Amino acid sequence: MKPALIIVLLLVCVTSQAKPPNIIFIVADDLGWGDVSFHGSKIRTPHLDKLAYNGVILNNYYVSPLCTPTRSAIMTGRHPIHTGLQHKVIKETTPYGLSLNETIMPQYLNELGYSSHIVGKWHLGFFKKDYIPTMRGFDSHFGYYTGKEDYFDHTSEGPGDMWGLDFRRNLDVVHDDDEQYSTTLFASEASDVIKAHNQSKALFLYLAFQAVHAGNYGGEDIIAAPQTYIDRYKDFSDVPRRMFAGMVSALDEAVGNVTATLQQTGMMNNTIIVFTTDNGGPTNGFDHNAASNWPLRGCKATVWEGGVRGNGFVYSPLLSTSGYVQENMMHITDWLPTLYHAAGGDVNKLRNQDGYNLWEMLSNNGAGVRNEILHNIDPIQNFSSIRVGEYKLVMGDISGGKDDSWYPPPEGKDTKIKQTSGSEFVKVLYKHNHPVQVNCGKKPADAETNCQPEVSPCLFHIPSDPCEFHNIASTNPDQVQSLLARLEEYRETMVPPANKDPDPRADPRLHGGAWTWWL
């Protein structure tokens, strides 16, 4: 080989190694298992479907039961029991956040030469300036700090009569975007970030939509969308579900606009897109919402499958294998090591990780890496759940009431979908965009009464009973004891919850009408 040719080849190799993939990490808020058409919903999500069907659909993928814990796990690769965020969420007036001792995803990626930006929801603390996104590795932030707000005027309510604007461009309060729907605004901002990006560097864009969480307006949590989206579902007789469907369609279109921008800028061929919900959907009017986890049991804020089994997929031209359903277990903590590896980083340099590097598994449809998932241990609310292999243990004060049941979507389930399985299922899915459905079989008459985890642990065999109909604890005592022992091992590693009492100094009236604690 000629020396000149060797030099050229070396330059090509160095150049290719110097440009890691762009990472677009998209989070939907409160999107239920049964709210996307690639899971059989009557709500139409063509843009999400296209990415999912041509990427890797995660069918055995788990998140935390609530948004602050999930977002902390994304950012750190650590389980919330190890960061003190295992109990509920950070409120507008509670003075704590994700510990500054934690290194988070943009900080790690910036070390690899990335430019990092966040658009949308933060919800990991803002009571001191050091806790906000632009102080923790993000070059820019357009969005809000709190957990929920009005979709149009971008105000958020706290306890009592506290109320204030929560909309930012970096540190500056944004006053001039009144009455513009946040889903549309965030997609437009994300597209602007992509267009303005210097392509000599890799881009990390964390796009955390407000959709489809209920908005916050006039003392009420409400679901809201522009009428043009709601009108797409005139056949939905249930008004809240019709409005919710409009919110989902707006989200779907927003994702489509962002991916179109990636194509237009020529960035898509070197991009990894992750899409995930933060937790299960609030069902049956819970949180004034109209989401659906059908046919899974339970909802947001619980460790039933409906609360923790998440919508998720990864799409990228860089995947060696795509257009398939990944059935191996994956947890929300796995994204940091997986993406860090894909970016060319040495995973061994990540600190105190609970997640696993699953890039090879995802890219090649490889063998499973995980064998267990801790869903949560909440020492204040007194509930816990763990899955090891095929078995899941549920225990504590999470049973009873609406959170414990199965709620079909008000518009009715799609009964025309044929159930298939195994390799045949994957083949049908790839060729015909066949929805990825969970087949639960027939619910037994005692399904809602045969499991009382506050009295004794409940055990489920998830592969054969994904909807948690059959409590098999009494016939599998050894399995129960094994999972209880594993839970105790996790409990010994847990740090105390970081929750704090509300602080009246958070009142926006003390800060020019905006949620700005650090002043």
Protein backbone atom coordinates (compact mmCIF):
# COMPACT_ATOMS: atom_id res chain seq x y z
CA MET A 1 0.00 0.00 0.00
CA LYS A 2 1.30 3.45 -0.92
CA PRO A 3 2.27 5.77 1.98
CA ALA A 4 -0.03 8.51 0.71
CA LEU A 5 -2.98 6.12 0.72
CA ILE A 6 -2.16 5.02 4.28
CA ILE A 7 -2.14 8.64 5.40
CA VAL A 8 -5.51 9.26 3.77
CA LEU A 9 -7.02 6.18 5.43
CA LEU A 10 -5.64 7.24 8.82
CA LEU A 11 -7.13 10.70 8.39
CA VAL A 12 -10.49 9.16 7.52
CA CYS A 13 -10.37 6.98 10.64
CA VAL A 14 -9.36 9.87 12.89
CA THR A 15 -12.09 12.09 11.41
CA SER A 16 -14.77 9.43 11.90
CA GLN A 17 -13.68 8.85 15.48
CA ALA A 18 -13.60 12.57 16.23
CA LYS A 19 -17.30 13.06 15.47
CA PRO A 20 -19.51 11.13 17.89
CA PRO A 21 -23.20 10.71 17.07
CA ASN A 22 -25.70 13.44 17.79
CA ILE A 23 -28.07 12.42 20.60
CA ILE A 24 -31.67 13.65 20.67
CA PHE A 25 -33.28 12.49 23.92
CA ILE A 26 -37.05 13.07 23.89
CA VAL A 27 -39.15 12.72 27.04
CA ALA A 28 -42.96 12.71 27.00
CA ASP A 29 -44.64 13.56 30.30
CA ASP A 30 -47.33 11.16 31.63
CA LEU A 31 -47.76 9.30 28.32
CA GLY A 32 -49.49 5.99 29.04
CA TRP A 33 -48.81 2.61 27.50
CA GLY A 34 -52.14 2.72 25.65
CA ASP A 35 -51.74 6.26 24.28
CA VAL A 36 -49.71 5.53 21.13
CA SER A 37 -50.87 3.73 18.03
CA PHE A 38 -47.80 1.48 17.90
CA HIS A 39 -49.32 -0.06 21.05
CA GLY A 40 -52.76 -0.33 19.48
CA SER A 41 -54.29 2.95 20.64
CA LYS A 42 -56.97 4.63 18.54
CA ILE A 43 -55.04 7.84 19.07
CA ARG A 44 -53.04 8.30 15.88
CA THR A 45 -49.28 8.82 16.27
CA PRO A 46 -47.85 8.37 12.75
CA HIS A 47 -44.57 10.22 13.33
CA LEU A 48 -43.76 8.27 16.49
CA ASP A 49 -44.83 5.05 14.77
CA LYS A 50 -42.48 5.65 11.86
CA LEU A 51 -39.50 6.08 14.15
CA ALA A 52 -40.52 3.16 16.37
CA TYR A 53 -41.20 0.68 13.59
CA ASN A 54 -37.95 1.55 11.83
CA GLY A 55 -35.97 1.59 15.05
CA VAL A 56 -36.09 -0.67 18.10
CA ILE A 57 -39.30 -0.84 20.13
CA LEU A 58 -38.59 -1.51 23.80
CA ASN A 59 -41.25 -3.92 24.97
CA ASN A 60 -39.76 -4.81 28.34
CA TYR A 61 -38.64 -1.33 29.36
CA TYR A 62 -39.17 0.24 32.78
CA VAL A 63 -39.18 3.76 34.18
CA SER A 64 -39.86 5.14 37.65
CA PRO A 65 -43.44 5.72 38.88
CA LEU A 66 -43.09 9.54 38.87
CA CYS A 67 -41.29 12.22 36.88
CA THR A 68 -38.60 13.60 39.23
CA PRO A 69 -37.24 10.09 39.98
CA THR A 70 -37.21 9.16 36.30
CA ARG A 71 -35.52 12.38 35.22
CA SER A 72 -32.86 11.97 37.89
CA ALA A 73 -32.20 8.43 36.66
CA ILE A 74 -31.84 9.62 33.06
CA MET A 75 -29.36 12.28 34.06
CA THR A 76 -27.24 10.24 36.48
CA GLY A 77 -27.58 6.58 35.50
CA ARG A 78 -28.32 6.01 39.19
CA HIS A 79 -31.42 4.64 40.85
CA PRO A 80 -33.48 7.21 42.81
CA ILE A 81 -32.89 5.25 46.04
CA HIS A 82 -29.22 6.22 45.64
CA THR A 83 -29.83 9.92 44.99
CA GLY A 84 -32.54 10.54 47.62
CA LEU A 85 -35.27 11.13 45.04
CA GLN A 86 -37.29 7.97 45.66
CA HIS A 87 -40.29 9.66 47.30
CA LYS A 88 -42.73 11.69 45.19
CA VAL A 89 -41.54 14.78 43.27
CA ILE A 90 -39.87 18.14 43.83
CA LYS A 91 -42.59 20.73 44.40
CA GLU A 92 -42.48 24.42 43.54
CA THR A 93 -41.78 25.38 47.17
CA THR A 94 -39.60 22.51 48.43
CA PRO A 95 -35.94 23.55 48.84
CA TYR A 96 -34.03 20.59 47.48
CA GLY A 97 -32.90 19.12 44.17
CA LEU A 98 -30.72 16.54 42.49
CA SER A 99 -27.53 16.63 44.55
CA LEU A 100 -24.68 18.74 43.22
CA ASN A 101 -22.42 15.80 44.03
CA GLU A 102 -23.94 13.99 41.06
CA THR A 103 -22.36 14.31 37.62
CA ILE A 104 -25.10 14.37 34.99
CA MET A 105 -25.42 13.40 31.33
CA PRO A 106 -24.48 16.73 29.67
CA GLN A 107 -21.40 17.04 31.88
CA TYR A 108 -20.25 13.58 30.87
CA LEU A 109 -20.97 14.19 27.18
CA ASN A 110 -19.33 17.60 27.19
CA GLU A 111 -16.10 15.86 28.19
CA LEU A 112 -16.38 14.00 24.86
CA GLY A 113 -16.72 17.24 22.92
CA TYR A 114 -20.50 17.64 22.83
CA SER A 115 -22.54 20.81 22.79
CA SER A 116 -25.49 20.24 25.16
CA HIS A 117 -28.88 21.95 25.21
CA ILE A 118 -32.16 21.43 27.06
CA VAL A 119 -35.60 22.40 25.81
CA GLY A 120 -38.62 21.97 28.07
CA LYS A 121 -39.10 20.64 31.58
CA TRP A 122 -36.34 20.37 34.20
CA HIS A 123 -38.01 19.33 37.52
CA LEU A 124 -34.75 18.48 39.28
CA GLY A 125 -34.60 21.48 41.58
CA PHE A 126 -34.16 25.23 41.23
CA PHE A 127 -34.14 26.59 44.79
CA LYS A 128 -30.53 27.69 44.33
CA LYS A 129 -28.87 28.92 41.19
CA ASP A 130 -26.34 26.07 41.17
CA TYR A 131 -29.17 23.56 40.63
CA ILE A 132 -30.56 24.96 37.36
CA PRO A 133 -29.73 23.34 33.99
CA THR A 134 -27.34 25.97 32.65
CA MET A 135 -25.20 25.57 35.76
CA ARG A 136 -25.04 21.78 35.30
CA GLY A 137 -23.57 21.29 31.85
CA PHE A 138 -26.25 22.59 29.49
CA ASP A 139 -25.17 25.43 27.21
CA SER A 140 -28.74 26.71 26.94
CA HIS A 141 -32.22 26.15 28.35
CA PHE A 142 -35.59 27.18 26.98
CA GLY A 143 -38.42 25.92 29.15
CA TYR A 144 -39.47 25.70 32.78
CA TYR A 145 -38.24 24.50 36.14
CA THR A 146 -41.34 23.22 37.94
CA GLY A 147 -43.39 20.05 37.44
CA LYS A 148 -46.42 21.44 35.63
CA GLU A 149 -47.86 24.70 34.38
CA ASP A 150 -50.38 26.23 32.03
CA TYR A 151 -49.75 25.27 28.40
CA PHE A 152 -50.58 28.73 27.07
CA ASP A 153 -49.60 31.40 29.62
CA HIS A 154 -46.77 29.33 31.17
CA THR A 155 -47.62 30.09 34.79
CA SER A 156 -47.39 27.59 37.62
CA GLU A 157 -49.29 27.42 40.90
CA GLY A 158 -47.82 26.49 44.22
CA PRO A 159 -49.53 25.86 47.57
CA GLY A 160 -52.06 28.32 48.91
CA ASP A 161 -52.31 31.36 46.68
CA MET A 162 -48.77 31.22 45.31
CA TRP A 163 -48.70 31.73 41.57
CA GLY A 164 -46.08 32.90 39.10
CA LEU A 165 -44.53 32.74 35.66
CA ASP A 166 -42.17 29.85 34.99
CA PHE A 167 -40.74 30.25 31.51
CA ARG A 168 -37.07 30.80 30.78
CA ARG A 169 -34.53 31.45 28.15
CA ASN A 170 -31.42 30.56 30.10
CA LEU A 171 -31.66 32.72 33.25
CA ASP A 172 -34.06 35.26 31.79
CA VAL A 173 -37.79 35.08 32.41
CA VAL A 174 -39.67 34.97 29.09
CA HIS A 175 -42.68 37.30 28.98
CA ASP A 176 -43.33 37.48 25.24
CA ASP A 177 -44.59 33.96 24.46
CA ASP A 178 -48.02 34.33 26.08
CA GLU A 179 -50.76 32.16 24.66
CA GLN A 180 -48.42 30.06 22.53
CA TYR A 181 -48.90 26.33 23.10
CA SER A 182 -45.83 24.88 24.77
CA THR A 183 -45.66 21.71 22.65
CA THR A 184 -45.39 23.82 19.51
CA LEU A 185 -42.96 26.26 21.13
CA PHE A 186 -40.64 23.49 22.32
CA ALA A 187 -40.57 21.78 18.93
CA SER A 188 -39.80 25.10 17.24
CA GLU A 189 -37.02 25.86 19.73
CA ALA A 190 -35.55 22.37 19.31
CA SER A 191 -35.51 22.85 15.54
CA ASP A 192 -33.78 26.21 15.98
CA VAL A 193 -31.13 24.61 18.19
CA ILE A 194 -30.51 21.95 15.54
CA LYS A 195 -30.30 24.51 12.71
CA ALA A 196 -27.90 26.73 14.66
CA HIS A 197 -25.68 23.86 15.76
CA ASN A 198 -22.05 23.90 14.64
CA GLN A 199 -21.78 20.48 13.04
CA SER A 200 -18.06 20.25 13.70
CA LYS A 201 -19.19 19.15 17.19
CA ALA A 202 -21.70 16.53 18.26
CA LEU A 203 -25.07 17.71 19.60
CA PHE A 204 -26.82 16.50 22.74
CA LEU A 205 -30.38 17.83 22.83
CA TYR A 206 -32.55 16.91 25.80
CA LEU A 207 -36.11 17.66 24.65
CA ALA A 208 -38.44 17.24 27.62
CA PHE A 209 -41.97 18.05 26.50
CA GLN A 210 -44.67 19.29 28.84
CA ALA A 211 -47.08 17.12 26.89
CA VAL A 212 -49.12 15.22 27.83
CA HIS A 213 -49.17 16.16 31.53
CA ALA A 214 -52.27 18.02 32.66
CA GLY A 215 -51.77 21.76 32.63
CA ASN A 216 -52.21 24.02 35.62
CA TYR A 217 -54.76 26.80 35.35
CA GLY A 218 -57.00 28.71 37.75
CA GLY A 219 -56.43 26.35 40.65
CA GLU A 220 -57.29 23.31 38.52
CA ASP A 221 -55.24 20.73 36.67
CA ILE A 222 -56.63 20.64 33.14
CA ILE A 223 -55.87 18.99 29.82
CA ALA A 224 -55.60 21.42 26.95
CA ALA A 225 -54.70 21.52 23.28
CA PRO A 226 -55.38 23.79 20.31
CA GLN A 227 -58.82 23.05 18.87
CA THR A 228 -57.38 21.97 15.53
CA TYR A 229 -55.86 18.90 17.20
CA ILE A 230 -58.92 18.13 19.31
CA ASP A 231 -61.12 18.23 16.21
CA ARG A 232 -59.24 15.26 14.77
CA TYR A 233 -61.07 13.07 17.28
CA LYS A 234 -64.70 14.03 16.87
CA ASP A 235 -65.52 10.33 16.96
CA PHE A 236 -64.38 10.16 20.61
CA SER A 237 -67.53 10.65 22.67
CA ASP A 238 -65.63 11.10 25.94
CA VAL A 239 -64.69 14.80 26.03
CA PRO A 240 -61.59 14.57 28.29
CA ARG A 241 -60.22 11.69 26.24
CA ARG A 242 -60.88 13.65 23.03
CA MET A 243 -58.92 16.59 24.40
CA PHE A 244 -56.16 14.30 25.62
CA ALA A 245 -55.96 12.69 22.16
CA GLY A 246 -55.47 16.17 20.73
CA MET A 247 -52.55 16.70 23.13
CA VAL A 248 -50.98 13.44 21.96
CA SER A 249 -51.41 14.38 18.31
CA ALA A 250 -49.74 17.74 18.95
CA LEU A 251 -46.84 15.89 20.61
CA ASP A 252 -46.59 13.46 17.69
CA GLU A 253 -46.54 16.28 15.16
CA ALA A 254 -43.90 18.11 17.21
CA VAL A 255 -41.61 15.07 17.12
CA GLY A 256 -42.21 14.84 13.39
CA ASN A 257 -41.15 18.47 12.93
CA VAL A 258 -37.95 17.93 14.89
CA THR A 259 -37.00 14.83 12.92
CA ALA A 260 -37.74 16.69 9.68
CA THR A 261 -35.25 19.35 10.77
CA LEU A 262 -32.63 16.67 11.41
CA GLN A 263 -33.16 15.43 7.85
CA GLN A 264 -33.04 18.93 6.36
CA THR A 265 -29.76 19.76 8.09
CA GLY A 266 -28.16 16.48 7.05
CA MET A 267 -27.67 15.43 10.67
CA MET A 268 -29.98 12.42 10.80
CA ASN A 269 -27.49 9.90 9.43
CA ASN A 270 -25.27 10.45 12.46
CA THR A 271 -27.98 10.78 15.09
CA ILE A 272 -29.45 8.59 17.83
CA ILE A 273 -33.03 9.42 18.83
CA VAL A 274 -34.35 8.13 22.14
CA PHE A 275 -38.03 8.45 22.97
CA THR A 276 -39.40 7.65 26.42
CA THR A 277 -42.21 8.44 28.77
CA ASP A 278 -41.30 9.44 32.31
CA ASN A 279 -43.92 7.25 34.00
CA GLY A 280 -47.22 5.54 33.32
CA GLY A 281 -50.26 7.58 32.43
CA PRO A 282 -52.69 9.02 35.00
CA THR A 283 -55.88 7.07 34.30
CA ASN A 284 -59.56 7.33 35.18
CA GLY A 285 -59.38 11.05 35.94
CA PHE A 286 -56.36 10.71 38.24
CA ASP A 287 -54.46 14.03 38.22
CA HIS A 288 -57.35 15.41 36.13
CA ASN A 289 -55.95 13.53 33.16
CA ALA A 290 -57.34 11.06 30.63
CA ALA A 291 -54.38 8.84 29.81
CA SER A 292 -54.57 5.08 29.34
CA ASN A 293 -52.26 2.21 30.23
CA TRP A 294 -54.64 -0.41 28.88
CA PRO A 295 -54.38 -3.33 29.20
CA LEU A 296 -51.81 -2.95 31.99
CA ARG A 297 -52.79 -2.65 35.63
CA GLY A 298 -52.47 0.57 37.61
CA CYS A 299 -51.24 4.02 36.70
CA LYS A 300 -48.78 6.78 37.42
CA ALA A 301 -47.41 6.89 40.99
CA THR A 302 -47.74 3.11 41.45
CA VAL A 303 -45.38 0.21 40.82
CA TRP A 304 -48.00 -1.81 38.97
CA GLU A 305 -46.99 -2.41 35.35
CA GLY A 306 -49.19 0.49 34.27
CA GLY A 307 -47.10 2.83 36.40
CA VAL A 308 -43.61 1.65 35.48
CA ARG A 309 -43.69 -0.19 32.14
CA GLY A 310 -42.80 2.62 29.78
CA ASN A 311 -43.39 3.61 26.20
CA GLY A 312 -39.97 3.72 24.65
CA PHE A 313 -37.93 3.20 21.51
CA VAL A 314 -34.59 4.10 20.00
CA TYR A 315 -34.13 5.07 16.36
CA SER A 316 -30.84 5.56 14.55
CA PRO A 317 -29.26 4.81 11.18
CA LEU A 318 -26.25 3.78 13.30
CA LEU A 319 -28.06 0.70 14.63
CA SER A 320 -26.72 -2.48 13.04
CA THR A 321 -30.15 -4.09 13.30
CA SER A 322 -33.45 -2.25 13.37
CA GLY A 323 -37.15 -2.72 12.71
CA TYR A 324 -37.64 -5.17 15.54
CA VAL A 325 -39.10 -5.48 19.05
CA GLN A 326 -36.55 -5.78 21.86
CA GLU A 327 -37.91 -8.10 24.55
CA ASN A 328 -34.95 -8.03 26.94
CA MET A 329 -35.24 -6.03 30.15
CA MET A 330 -34.12 -2.42 30.14
CA HIS A 331 -34.33 0.27 32.82
CA ILE A 332 -34.30 4.05 32.67
CA THR A 333 -30.86 4.10 34.38
CA ASP A 334 -29.38 2.28 31.39
CA TRP A 335 -29.56 5.26 29.04
CA LEU A 336 -26.51 7.10 30.38
CA PRO A 337 -24.00 4.24 30.07
CA THR A 338 -25.58 3.09 26.80
CA LEU A 339 -25.38 6.50 25.14
CA TYR A 340 -22.00 7.32 26.65
CA HIS A 341 -20.62 4.16 25.08
CA ALA A 342 -22.27 4.97 21.73
CA ALA A 343 -20.64 8.41 21.95
CA GLY A 344 -17.19 6.81 22.22
CA GLY A 345 -16.77 7.13 25.96
CA ASP A 346 -15.29 4.60 28.35
CA VAL A 347 -18.19 3.47 30.55
CA ASN A 348 -15.76 2.60 33.31
CA LYS A 349 -15.23 6.33 33.81
CA LEU A 350 -18.88 6.84 34.81
CA ARG A 351 -19.26 7.06 38.56
CA ASN A 352 -21.45 4.90 40.82
CA GLN A 353 -23.62 3.56 38.03
CA ASP A 354 -26.75 1.44 38.50
CA GLY A 355 -27.37 1.30 34.74
CA TYR A 356 -25.88 -1.05 32.17
CA ASN A 357 -24.39 -0.39 28.76
CA LEU A 358 -26.96 -1.95 26.41
CA TRP A 359 -25.78 -0.48 23.10
CA GLU A 360 -24.60 -3.79 21.66
CA MET A 361 -27.82 -5.51 22.76
CA LEU A 362 -29.95 -2.82 21.13
CA SER A 363 -27.86 -2.40 18.00
CA ASN A 364 -27.55 -6.11 17.25
CA ASN A 365 -30.73 -7.51 18.82
CA GLY A 366 -28.38 -9.29 21.16
CA ALA A 367 -28.77 -11.32 24.32
CA GLY A 368 -30.11 -9.69 27.46
CA VAL A 369 -27.76 -8.00 29.90
CA ARG A 370 -30.10 -7.22 32.80
CA ASN A 371 -31.69 -9.87 34.99
CA GLU A 372 -33.41 -7.65 37.53
CA ILE A 373 -35.01 -4.25 37.99
CA LEU A 374 -35.71 -2.47 41.25
CA HIS A 375 -38.92 -0.53 40.65
CA ASN A 376 -38.70 1.43 43.89
CA ILE A 377 -38.34 1.41 47.65
CA ASP A 378 -40.24 4.28 49.24
CA PRO A 379 -39.63 4.30 53.03
CA ILE A 380 -42.07 7.18 53.61
CA GLN A 381 -45.05 5.92 51.65
CA ASN A 382 -44.06 2.36 52.64
CA PHE A 383 -44.13 0.43 49.38
CA SER A 384 -41.57 -1.41 47.29
CA SER A 385 -41.32 -3.61 44.23
CA ILE A 386 -38.64 -5.58 42.44
CA ARG A 387 -38.44 -7.85 39.43
CA VAL A 388 -35.84 -10.60 39.21
CA GLY A 389 -35.89 -12.69 36.07
CA GLU A 390 -39.49 -13.48 35.25
CA TYR A 391 -40.94 -12.75 38.70
CA LYS A 392 -42.11 -9.49 40.21
CA LEU A 393 -42.78 -8.77 43.88
CA VAL A 394 -45.13 -5.99 44.98
CA MET A 395 -45.57 -5.03 48.62
CA GLY A 396 -46.67 -2.14 50.82
CA ASP A 397 -49.27 0.59 50.84
CA ILE A 398 -50.08 0.93 47.12
CA SER A 399 -53.23 -1.17 46.83
CA GLY A 400 -56.85 -0.18 46.77
CA GLY A 401 -58.84 2.57 45.05
CA LYS A 402 -58.53 3.62 41.45
CA ASP A 403 -54.77 3.17 41.32
CA ASP A 404 -55.13 -0.59 41.67
CA SER A 405 -57.38 -1.43 38.73
CA TRP A 406 -57.53 -1.82 34.95
CA TYR A 407 -59.07 0.98 32.93
CA PRO A 408 -60.00 0.53 29.27
CA PRO A 409 -59.67 3.73 27.22
CA PRO A 410 -63.02 5.54 27.04
CA GLU A 411 -63.03 5.33 23.25
CA GLY A 412 -62.88 1.53 23.45
CA LYS A 413 -60.08 -0.88 22.68
CA ASP A 414 -59.24 -2.00 19.14
CA THR A 415 -60.59 -5.54 18.84
CA LYS A 416 -59.59 -5.99 15.20
CA ILE A 417 -55.90 -6.51 15.94
CA LYS A 418 -54.74 -10.08 15.51
CA GLN A 419 -52.51 -11.48 18.23
CA THR A 420 -49.31 -13.17 17.08
CA SER A 421 -46.12 -14.11 18.86
CA GLY A 422 -42.46 -14.92 18.52
CA SER A 423 -40.54 -14.42 15.26
CA GLU A 424 -43.80 -14.33 13.34
CA PHE A 425 -44.84 -11.33 15.39
CA VAL A 426 -41.62 -9.47 14.62
CA LYS A 427 -42.00 -10.23 10.91
CA VAL A 428 -45.59 -8.99 10.83
CA LEU A 429 -44.61 -5.90 12.81
CA TYR A 430 -41.81 -4.99 10.43
CA LYS A 431 -43.80 -5.45 7.23
CA HIS A 432 -47.20 -4.24 8.27
CA ASN A 433 -46.68 -1.88 11.20
CA HIS A 434 -48.51 -4.28 13.47
CA PRO A 435 -49.12 -2.73 16.92
CA VAL A 436 -47.03 -4.08 19.78
CA GLN A 437 -49.74 -5.21 22.14
CA VAL A 438 -49.70 -6.94 25.49
CA ASN A 439 -51.94 -10.00 25.48
CA CYS A 440 -53.31 -10.37 28.98
CA GLY A 441 -55.94 -13.01 28.43
CA LYS A 442 -59.19 -12.92 30.38
CA LYS A 443 -59.30 -11.15 33.72
CA PRO A 444 -60.42 -13.53 36.50
CA ALA A 445 -63.33 -12.48 38.68
CA ASP A 446 -61.14 -12.12 41.78
CA ALA A 447 -58.31 -10.23 40.09
CA GLU A 448 -58.92 -7.01 42.02
CA THR A 449 -59.17 -8.72 45.39
CA ASN A 450 -56.60 -11.50 45.31
CA CYS A 451 -53.64 -9.19 45.85
CA GLN A 452 -53.31 -7.02 48.95
CA PRO A 453 -49.64 -6.03 49.14
CA GLU A 454 -50.16 -3.93 52.26
CA VAL A 455 -51.05 -7.17 54.07
CA SER A 456 -48.63 -9.59 52.43
CA PRO A 457 -46.34 -9.54 49.39
CA CYS A 458 -47.87 -10.28 46.00
CA LEU A 459 -45.98 -12.21 43.35
CA PHE A 460 -46.54 -12.20 39.60
CA HIS A 461 -45.02 -14.11 36.69
CA ILE A 462 -44.73 -11.21 34.25
CA PRO A 463 -44.08 -13.04 30.94
CA SER A 464 -47.30 -15.07 31.28
CA ASP A 465 -49.24 -12.50 33.31
CA PRO A 466 -48.12 -8.99 32.25
CA CYS A 467 -51.36 -7.48 33.53
CA GLU A 468 -50.88 -8.83 37.05
CA PHE A 469 -54.14 -10.74 37.29
CA HIS A 470 -52.79 -13.75 39.19
CA ASN A 471 -51.10 -13.42 42.56
CA ILE A 472 -49.03 -16.60 42.87
CA ALA A 473 -47.30 -15.78 46.17
CA SER A 474 -49.02 -18.55 48.13
CA THR A 475 -47.82 -21.25 45.75
CA ASN A 476 -44.29 -19.91 45.37
CA PRO A 477 -43.05 -19.13 48.92
CA ASP A 478 -39.39 -19.74 48.05
CA GLN A 479 -39.56 -17.25 45.20
CA VAL A 480 -41.18 -14.69 47.51
CA GLN A 481 -38.44 -15.10 50.10
CA SER A 482 -35.73 -14.82 47.46
CA LEU A 483 -37.12 -11.52 46.15
CA LEU A 484 -37.66 -10.19 49.68
CA ALA A 485 -34.02 -10.92 50.44
CA ARG A 486 -32.91 -9.11 47.31
CA LEU A 487 -35.07 -6.12 48.27
CA GLU A 488 -33.34 -5.99 51.64
CA GLU A 489 -29.95 -5.96 49.95
CA TYR A 490 -31.04 -2.90 47.98
CA ARG A 491 -32.52 -1.33 51.10
CA GLU A 492 -29.13 -1.47 52.81
CA THR A 493 -27.65 0.67 50.01
CA MET A 494 -30.44 3.29 50.07
CA VAL A 495 -29.85 6.89 51.12
CA PRO A 496 -32.58 8.79 53.01
CA PRO A 497 -35.13 10.70 50.93
CA ALA A 498 -34.02 14.28 50.31
CA ASN A 499 -37.53 15.74 50.64
CA LYS A 500 -37.86 19.04 52.52
CA ASP A 501 -40.78 20.97 53.95
CA PRO A 502 -42.17 23.85 51.86
CA ASP A 503 -40.38 27.19 52.18
CA PRO A 504 -42.50 30.39 52.00
CA ARG A 505 -39.51 32.24 50.54
CA ALA A 506 -40.33 30.55 47.24
CA ASP A 507 -43.38 32.79 46.76
CA PRO A 508 -43.13 34.40 43.28
CA ARG A 509 -44.48 37.64 44.75
CA LEU A 510 -41.08 38.01 46.38
CA HIS A 511 -39.31 37.59 43.04
CA GLY A 512 -41.05 39.84 40.55
CA GLY A 513 -43.90 37.42 39.86
CA ALA A 514 -41.70 34.52 38.68
CA TRP A 515 -40.44 31.32 40.25
CA THR A 516 -36.89 32.54 40.94
CA TRP A 517 -35.71 31.37 44.34
CA TRP A 518 -32.04 32.24 44.08
CA LEU A 519 -32.71 35.98 44.16
